[in-house]
Amino acid sequence: MIDGIVAGLASGTAYAILAVCVVVLFRLTGVLNFAQAALGAFGAYLCYALAGAHLPLWLAALAGLAAAGIIAGLVGWVLACWFSTPTTTERIVVSVVFLIVLLAAGFRLFGDTPRVMPSLLPEGVLTIGGVRVSLTTVVALALAVAVAVGVSLLLRHTHVGVRLQAMSERPMTVQLLRVNTRALSIGAWAGTGVLSALALLLVAPARNQTFESMSFLVIPALAAALLGGFSNIWVAAGSGLAIGAIEGAAARIDGLANYRGALPFVLIVIALIWMRRRRVWDDAR
């Protein structure tokens, strides 16, 4: 059971980082980005395609990260130029269209067959309390914590963070103060694109999934973000790790292994019921 939990943490780190990215974009731009994992998958697959063409792995990884950041930045630019004051419905539609475009492009470029992907890190195993933990899992976990800490510090204790939060809460006031909200929005999109690609570059070698299946890793990330109310970075990150650990534990239990992919949906339903409980109880009174 413990081995399963540790194995699940590798995926959990990806869920956690993706969830943090979803929360950050939602807080700053009001867009629920359904294509967050597809961005990372595009960068990861581009990296391994270039590595397969005999480009050095580190250079291919930089190219994949840059591609994910540029694509995300372009989407942020489009939203900032033509959807500066969209309704909730328009934001959802734009995000879903973005996901469909990335899925179509990924299918054309990378196909729909799983690939064996080389690891960015050297193979290594640590033994902690009798449990074997891979070096990739340790680094990915450290990255997830670092991302949560870094984003929290950025938003709370820097001028850029204050401007970003002001942009999300009072966009017209910020524009009147001559703050370049368009550049801030594009930067937020590009930054989350790079982080998504980095997260999937670390966990992809252990999964060997198709581009489509990697793109839909956004579902457990959305579940984690929902548990954090799309506002609390730490709860979202912790929930992502917990979902990964639960999936890993379920994989070791007969009867649950085939249904572990449905766990995020169960958590989404539970979270929705829990978040609505107060309103229902108040109405009942």
Protein backbone atom coordinates (compact mmCIF):
# COMPACT_ATOMS: atom_id res chain seq x y z
CA MET A 1 0.00 0.00 0.00
CA ILE A 2 2.77 2.47 0.92
CA ASP A 3 4.60 1.64 -2.30
CA GLY A 4 1.43 2.47 -4.21
CA ILE A 5 1.04 5.80 -2.43
CA VAL A 6 4.64 6.73 -3.17
CA ALA A 7 4.23 5.71 -6.81
CA GLY A 8 1.08 7.81 -7.03
CA LEU A 9 2.90 10.88 -5.76
CA ALA A 10 4.75 11.11 -9.08
CA SER A 11 1.44 11.75 -10.85
CA GLY A 12 0.24 13.78 -7.88
CA THR A 13 3.02 16.30 -8.36
CA ALA A 14 1.83 16.91 -11.93
CA TYR A 15 -1.75 17.31 -10.70
CA ALA A 16 -0.56 19.72 -8.01
CA ILE A 17 1.42 21.94 -10.38
CA LEU A 18 -1.36 21.94 -12.97
CA ALA A 19 -3.89 22.78 -10.25
CA VAL A 20 -1.77 25.71 -9.08
CA CYS A 21 -1.59 26.98 -12.66
CA VAL A 22 -5.37 26.66 -13.03
CA VAL A 23 -5.95 28.55 -9.78
CA VAL A 24 -3.49 31.31 -10.68
CA LEU A 25 -5.05 31.91 -14.10
CA PHE A 26 -8.56 31.83 -12.68
CA ARG A 27 -7.69 34.30 -9.93
CA LEU A 28 -5.82 36.68 -12.22
CA THR A 29 -7.78 36.50 -15.48
CA GLY A 30 -11.05 34.81 -14.61
CA VAL A 31 -10.42 32.07 -17.19
CA LEU A 32 -10.83 28.42 -16.20
CA ASN A 33 -8.20 26.93 -18.49
CA PHE A 34 -9.32 23.46 -19.58
CA ALA A 35 -6.26 23.29 -21.86
CA GLN A 36 -3.70 23.61 -19.05
CA ALA A 37 -2.49 20.02 -19.33
CA ALA A 38 -2.66 20.07 -23.14
CA LEU A 39 -0.19 22.96 -23.10
CA GLY A 40 2.21 20.94 -21.00
CA ALA A 41 1.69 17.84 -23.14
CA PHE A 42 2.46 19.83 -26.29
CA GLY A 43 5.73 21.09 -24.81
CA ALA A 44 6.66 17.62 -23.53
CA TYR A 45 5.92 15.85 -26.81
CA LEU A 46 7.77 18.51 -28.80
CA CYS A 47 10.77 17.97 -26.54
CA TYR A 48 10.81 14.24 -27.13
CA ALA A 49 10.18 14.63 -30.85
CA LEU A 50 13.22 16.89 -31.11
CA ALA A 51 15.25 14.52 -28.93
CA GLY A 52 14.25 11.70 -31.30
CA ALA A 53 15.69 13.81 -34.12
CA HIS A 54 19.07 13.63 -32.32
CA LEU A 55 18.88 17.07 -30.70
CA PRO A 56 20.54 17.07 -27.25
CA LEU A 57 17.90 16.34 -24.61
CA TRP A 58 18.57 19.49 -22.58
CA LEU A 59 18.22 21.66 -25.68
CA ALA A 60 15.05 19.81 -26.72
CA ALA A 61 13.63 20.36 -23.22
CA LEU A 62 14.31 24.09 -23.45
CA ALA A 63 12.60 24.17 -26.85
CA GLY A 64 9.55 22.36 -25.42
CA LEU A 65 9.31 24.74 -22.47
CA ALA A 66 9.68 27.75 -24.75
CA ALA A 67 7.02 26.44 -27.14
CA ALA A 68 4.53 25.91 -24.32
CA GLY A 69 5.22 29.39 -22.95
CA ILE A 70 4.92 31.06 -26.36
CA ILE A 71 1.66 29.28 -27.24
CA ALA A 72 0.16 30.13 -23.85
CA GLY A 73 1.37 33.72 -24.20
CA LEU A 74 -0.30 34.00 -27.61
CA VAL A 75 -3.57 32.79 -26.14
CA GLY A 76 -3.21 35.32 -23.34
CA TRP A 77 -2.60 38.03 -25.93
CA VAL A 78 -5.71 37.05 -27.88
CA LEU A 79 -7.80 37.12 -24.72
CA ALA A 80 -6.34 40.45 -23.62
CA CYS A 81 -6.97 42.06 -27.02
CA TRP A 82 -10.41 40.73 -27.96
CA PHE A 83 -11.86 39.31 -24.76
CA SER A 84 -10.81 41.88 -22.17
CA THR A 85 -14.26 41.91 -20.53
CA PRO A 86 -15.81 38.55 -21.43
CA THR A 87 -18.75 36.90 -19.76
CA THR A 88 -18.30 33.63 -17.91
CA THR A 89 -19.78 31.71 -20.84
CA GLU A 90 -17.38 33.33 -23.31
CA ARG A 91 -14.40 32.48 -21.12
CA ILE A 92 -15.43 28.83 -20.94
CA VAL A 93 -16.00 28.66 -24.70
CA VAL A 94 -12.59 30.20 -25.47
CA SER A 95 -10.88 27.76 -23.11
CA VAL A 96 -12.63 24.73 -24.62
CA VAL A 97 -11.84 25.92 -28.17
CA PHE A 98 -8.20 26.30 -27.14
CA LEU A 99 -8.23 22.71 -25.86
CA ILE A 100 -9.75 21.38 -29.09
CA VAL A 101 -7.19 23.25 -31.22
CA LEU A 102 -4.31 21.85 -29.18
CA LEU A 103 -5.74 18.31 -29.33
CA ALA A 104 -6.09 18.54 -33.12
CA ALA A 105 -2.59 19.97 -33.54
CA GLY A 106 -1.10 17.37 -31.20
CA PHE A 107 -2.82 14.53 -33.03
CA ARG A 108 -1.50 15.78 -36.37
CA LEU A 109 2.05 16.31 -35.14
CA PHE A 110 2.54 13.46 -32.67
CA GLY A 111 -0.06 10.83 -33.52
CA ASP A 112 -2.10 8.80 -31.05
CA THR A 113 0.33 6.08 -30.00
CA PRO A 114 2.18 6.02 -26.66
CA ARG A 115 5.85 6.91 -26.74
CA VAL A 116 8.76 5.78 -24.62
CA MET A 117 10.15 9.04 -23.31
CA PRO A 118 13.64 9.50 -21.88
CA SER A 119 13.93 10.92 -18.39
CA LEU A 120 15.42 14.36 -17.85
CA LEU A 121 17.01 13.11 -14.63
CA PRO A 122 19.45 10.25 -14.09
CA GLU A 123 17.92 7.03 -12.84
CA GLY A 124 18.27 6.75 -9.11
CA VAL A 125 16.36 5.28 -6.18
CA LEU A 126 16.32 6.44 -2.59
CA THR A 127 15.28 4.14 0.25
CA ILE A 128 13.33 5.99 2.94
CA GLY A 129 11.97 3.91 5.81
CA GLY A 130 12.19 0.77 3.72
CA VAL A 131 10.27 2.36 0.84
CA ARG A 132 11.99 2.85 -2.50
CA VAL A 133 11.47 6.34 -3.93
CA SER A 134 12.73 7.33 -7.36
CA LEU A 135 14.84 10.44 -7.79
CA THR A 136 12.29 11.79 -10.30
CA THR A 137 9.53 11.58 -7.68
CA VAL A 138 11.65 13.44 -5.13
CA VAL A 139 12.55 16.20 -7.61
CA ALA A 140 8.96 16.49 -8.87
CA LEU A 141 7.66 16.73 -5.29
CA ALA A 142 10.22 19.41 -4.48
CA LEU A 143 9.19 21.27 -7.63
CA ALA A 144 5.50 21.15 -6.66
CA VAL A 145 6.28 22.61 -3.23
CA ALA A 146 8.58 25.22 -4.76
CA VAL A 147 5.90 26.27 -7.25
CA ALA A 148 3.28 26.66 -4.51
CA VAL A 149 5.68 28.62 -2.29
CA GLY A 150 6.97 30.77 -5.16
CA VAL A 151 3.52 31.68 -6.48
CA SER A 152 2.24 32.49 -2.98
CA LEU A 153 5.22 34.75 -2.27
CA LEU A 154 4.93 36.39 -5.68
CA LEU A 155 1.27 37.26 -5.24
CA ARG A 156 1.55 38.45 -1.65
CA HIS A 157 4.92 40.13 -1.28
CA THR A 158 5.94 41.64 -4.63
CA HIS A 159 4.81 44.68 -6.62
CA VAL A 160 4.11 42.46 -9.61
CA GLY A 161 1.92 40.21 -7.48
CA VAL A 162 -0.03 43.16 -6.09
CA ARG A 163 -0.61 44.45 -9.62
CA LEU A 164 -1.68 41.04 -10.83
CA GLN A 165 -4.26 40.70 -8.06
CA ALA A 166 -5.44 44.26 -8.59
CA MET A 167 -5.82 43.52 -12.28
CA SER A 168 -8.15 40.63 -11.50
CA GLU A 169 -10.23 42.54 -8.95
CA ARG A 170 -10.29 46.09 -10.38
CA PRO A 171 -9.13 45.94 -14.03
CA MET A 172 -10.52 49.34 -15.01
CA THR A 173 -8.89 51.05 -12.03
CA VAL A 174 -5.56 49.44 -12.83
CA GLN A 175 -5.78 50.61 -16.43
CA LEU A 176 -6.54 54.16 -15.29
CA LEU A 177 -3.34 54.00 -13.22
CA ARG A 178 -1.49 53.23 -16.48
CA VAL A 179 -0.47 49.73 -15.49
CA ASN A 180 0.15 47.53 -18.53
CA THR A 181 -2.51 44.92 -17.80
CA ARG A 182 -2.06 43.28 -21.18
CA ALA A 183 1.60 42.50 -20.50
CA LEU A 184 0.74 41.17 -17.03
CA SER A 185 -1.96 38.90 -18.44
CA ILE A 186 0.31 37.57 -21.19
CA GLY A 187 3.07 36.97 -18.65
CA ALA A 188 0.71 35.02 -16.39
CA TRP A 189 -0.39 32.82 -19.28
CA ALA A 190 3.16 32.23 -20.50
CA GLY A 191 4.43 31.42 -17.01
CA THR A 192 1.73 28.83 -16.35
CA GLY A 193 2.39 27.30 -19.78
CA VAL A 194 6.07 26.79 -18.94
CA LEU A 195 5.25 25.31 -15.51
CA SER A 196 2.75 22.88 -17.05
CA ALA A 197 5.29 21.67 -19.59
CA LEU A 198 7.95 21.25 -16.90
CA ALA A 199 5.59 19.21 -14.73
CA LEU A 200 4.73 16.81 -17.55
CA LEU A 201 8.34 16.55 -18.69
CA LEU A 202 9.16 15.14 -15.25
CA VAL A 203 6.31 12.64 -14.99
CA ALA A 204 5.82 11.65 -18.65
CA PRO A 205 8.66 9.05 -18.76
CA ALA A 206 6.93 7.01 -16.07
CA ARG A 207 3.52 7.08 -17.78
CA ASN A 208 4.24 6.57 -21.51
CA GLN A 209 0.85 7.99 -22.40
CA THR A 210 -0.54 9.37 -25.62
CA PHE A 211 -0.81 13.09 -26.24
CA GLU A 212 -4.58 12.91 -25.74
CA SER A 213 -4.41 11.07 -22.42
CA MET A 214 -1.77 13.48 -21.12
CA SER A 215 -3.97 16.40 -22.13
CA PHE A 216 -6.81 15.05 -20.01
CA LEU A 217 -4.64 15.04 -16.88
CA VAL A 218 -6.32 18.41 -16.45
CA ILE A 219 -9.36 16.57 -14.99
CA PRO A 220 -7.69 15.58 -11.67
CA ALA A 221 -6.02 19.01 -11.67
CA LEU A 222 -9.43 20.68 -11.97
CA ALA A 223 -10.70 18.47 -9.15
CA ALA A 224 -7.79 19.63 -6.97
CA ALA A 225 -8.39 23.27 -7.92
CA LEU A 226 -12.08 22.87 -7.11
CA LEU A 227 -11.25 21.52 -3.67
CA GLY A 228 -9.27 24.74 -3.19
CA GLY A 229 -12.26 26.79 -4.33
CA PHE A 230 -10.23 27.98 -7.33
CA SER A 231 -8.61 30.47 -4.96
CA ASN A 232 -6.45 28.67 -2.39
CA ILE A 233 -3.11 27.68 -3.91
CA TRP A 234 -1.99 25.50 -1.01
CA VAL A 235 -5.22 23.53 -0.79
CA ALA A 236 -5.14 22.99 -4.56
CA ALA A 237 -1.53 21.77 -4.46
CA GLY A 238 -2.15 19.51 -1.47
CA SER A 239 -5.31 18.12 -3.08
CA GLY A 240 -3.39 17.32 -6.26
CA LEU A 241 -0.82 15.35 -4.29
CA ALA A 242 -3.59 13.59 -2.35
CA ILE A 243 -5.43 12.59 -5.55
CA GLY A 244 -2.23 11.11 -6.93
CA ALA A 245 -1.58 9.22 -3.69
CA ILE A 246 -5.15 7.89 -3.62
CA GLU A 247 -4.89 6.72 -7.23
CA GLY A 248 -1.61 4.98 -6.44
CA ALA A 249 -3.10 3.25 -3.39
CA ALA A 250 -6.22 2.23 -5.34
CA ALA A 251 -4.01 0.63 -8.01
CA ARG A 252 -2.83 -1.86 -5.36
CA ILE A 253 -6.35 -2.81 -4.25
CA ASP A 254 -8.21 -5.55 -6.09
CA GLY A 255 -11.53 -4.28 -7.35
CA LEU A 256 -10.49 -0.61 -7.33
CA ALA A 257 -7.56 -0.67 -9.73
CA ASN A 258 -9.78 -0.50 -12.81
CA TYR A 259 -11.73 2.45 -11.41
CA ARG A 260 -8.96 4.64 -10.06
CA GLY A 261 -9.37 7.02 -13.01
CA ALA A 262 -12.88 7.82 -11.78
CA LEU A 263 -11.66 9.05 -8.40
CA PRO A 264 -11.28 12.70 -9.52
CA PHE A 265 -14.94 12.73 -10.58
CA VAL A 266 -15.99 11.36 -7.19
CA LEU A 267 -13.96 14.06 -5.47
CA ILE A 268 -15.52 16.73 -7.70
CA VAL A 269 -19.02 15.59 -6.72
CA ILE A 270 -18.12 15.50 -3.02
CA ALA A 271 -16.54 18.96 -3.24
CA LEU A 272 -19.59 20.41 -5.00
CA ILE A 273 -21.93 18.96 -2.37
CA TRP A 274 -19.73 20.25 0.44
CA MET A 275 -19.45 23.74 -1.07
CA ARG A 276 -23.22 23.95 -1.57
CA ARG A 277 -24.20 22.61 1.83
CA ARG A 278 -24.50 25.98 3.57
CA ARG A 279 -26.80 27.46 0.93
CA VAL A 280 -29.00 24.36 0.97
CA TRP A 281 -29.22 24.39 4.75
CA ASP A 282 -30.02 28.10 4.78
CA ASP A 283 -32.80 27.58 2.24
CA ALA A 284 -34.18 24.71 4.29
CA ARG A 285 -34.43 26.96 7.34
